[in-house]
């Protein structure tokens, strides 16, 4: 059951990401496919954080927010 829920959540996440457009015109999902697998999770979180804060969705804002989130995790962890 846990695996089913995880798959459903991933599909919902992909649907959401495919409807979010960056300033460049590409979708958030397309942007994330060009990010290293190692950083996709934090980049995804950064996109949603930028949306929450009202920041423009461009590479500079997303990567800056991702670095900030990583720093916070490294301090905590």
Protein backbone atom coordinates (compact mmCIF):
# COMPACT_ATOMS: atom_id res chain seq x y z
CA UNK A 1 0.00 0.00 0.00
CA UNK A 2 2.84 2.40 0.81
CA UNK A 3 4.33 1.85 -2.66
CA UNK A 4 0.96 2.62 -4.31
CA UNK A 5 0.62 5.85 -2.36
CA UNK A 6 4.16 6.89 -3.24
CA UNK A 7 3.52 6.24 -6.95
CA UNK A 8 0.28 8.24 -6.84
CA UNK A 9 2.02 11.13 -5.09
CA UNK A 10 4.79 11.10 -7.71
CA UNK A 11 2.24 11.15 -10.53
CA UNK A 12 0.41 14.06 -8.89
CA UNK A 13 3.70 15.89 -8.42
CA UNK A 14 4.61 15.40 -12.07
CA UNK A 15 1.19 16.72 -13.11
CA UNK A 16 1.66 19.82 -10.95
CA UNK A 17 5.18 20.41 -12.25
CA UNK A 18 4.02 20.10 -15.85
CA UNK A 19 1.54 22.96 -15.31
CA UNK A 20 4.06 25.37 -13.74
CA UNK A 21 5.91 27.55 -16.24
CA UNK A 22 9.23 29.23 -15.70
CA UNK A 23 10.07 32.69 -17.03
CA UNK A 24 11.95 31.00 -19.90
CA UNK A 25 8.74 29.30 -21.09
CA UNK A 26 9.71 25.76 -20.16
CA UNK A 27 7.72 23.80 -17.62
CA UNK A 28 9.08 23.09 -14.16
CA UNK A 29 9.15 19.40 -15.09
CA UNK A 30 11.31 20.12 -18.15
CA UNK A 31 13.61 22.25 -16.01
CA UNK A 32 14.00 19.48 -13.44
CA UNK A 33 14.82 16.90 -16.11
CA UNK A 34 17.89 19.01 -16.92
CA UNK A 35 18.99 19.11 -13.27
CA UNK A 36 21.31 16.40 -11.97
CA UNK A 37 19.38 13.56 -10.29
CA UNK A 38 21.34 14.31 -7.14
CA UNK A 39 19.74 17.77 -6.88
CA UNK A 40 16.24 17.20 -8.30
CA UNK A 41 14.55 16.85 -4.91
CA UNK A 42 15.98 20.07 -3.52
CA UNK A 43 15.32 21.89 -6.82
CA UNK A 44 11.69 20.72 -6.68
CA UNK A 45 11.37 22.04 -3.15
CA UNK A 46 12.98 25.31 -4.25
CA UNK A 47 10.45 25.73 -7.06
CA UNK A 48 7.53 25.35 -4.68
CA UNK A 49 9.18 27.65 -2.15
CA UNK A 50 9.71 30.32 -4.85
CA UNK A 51 6.05 30.01 -5.80
CA UNK A 52 5.01 30.35 -2.15
CA UNK A 53 7.14 33.46 -1.71
CA UNK A 54 6.06 35.01 -5.03
CA UNK A 55 9.55 34.97 -6.55
CA UNK A 56 9.89 34.81 -10.34
CA UNK A 57 10.62 31.29 -11.53
CA UNK A 58 13.99 31.62 -13.21
CA UNK A 59 17.21 29.68 -12.82
CA UNK A 60 18.82 32.29 -10.57
CA UNK A 61 15.92 32.34 -8.07
CA UNK A 62 15.48 28.55 -8.07
CA UNK A 63 19.17 27.75 -7.65
CA UNK A 64 19.56 30.45 -4.98
CA UNK A 65 16.61 29.09 -3.00
CA UNK A 66 17.94 25.52 -3.43
CA UNK A 67 21.33 26.57 -2.01
CA UNK A 68 19.59 28.26 0.91
CA UNK A 69 17.53 25.13 1.64
CA UNK A 70 20.67 22.96 1.45
CA UNK A 71 22.50 25.26 3.89
CA UNK A 72 19.60 25.04 6.34
CA UNK A 73 19.60 21.22 6.08
CA UNK A 74 23.34 21.00 6.60
CA UNK A 75 23.15 23.16 9.73
CA UNK A 76 20.30 21.08 11.13
CA UNK A 77 21.62 17.67 10.02
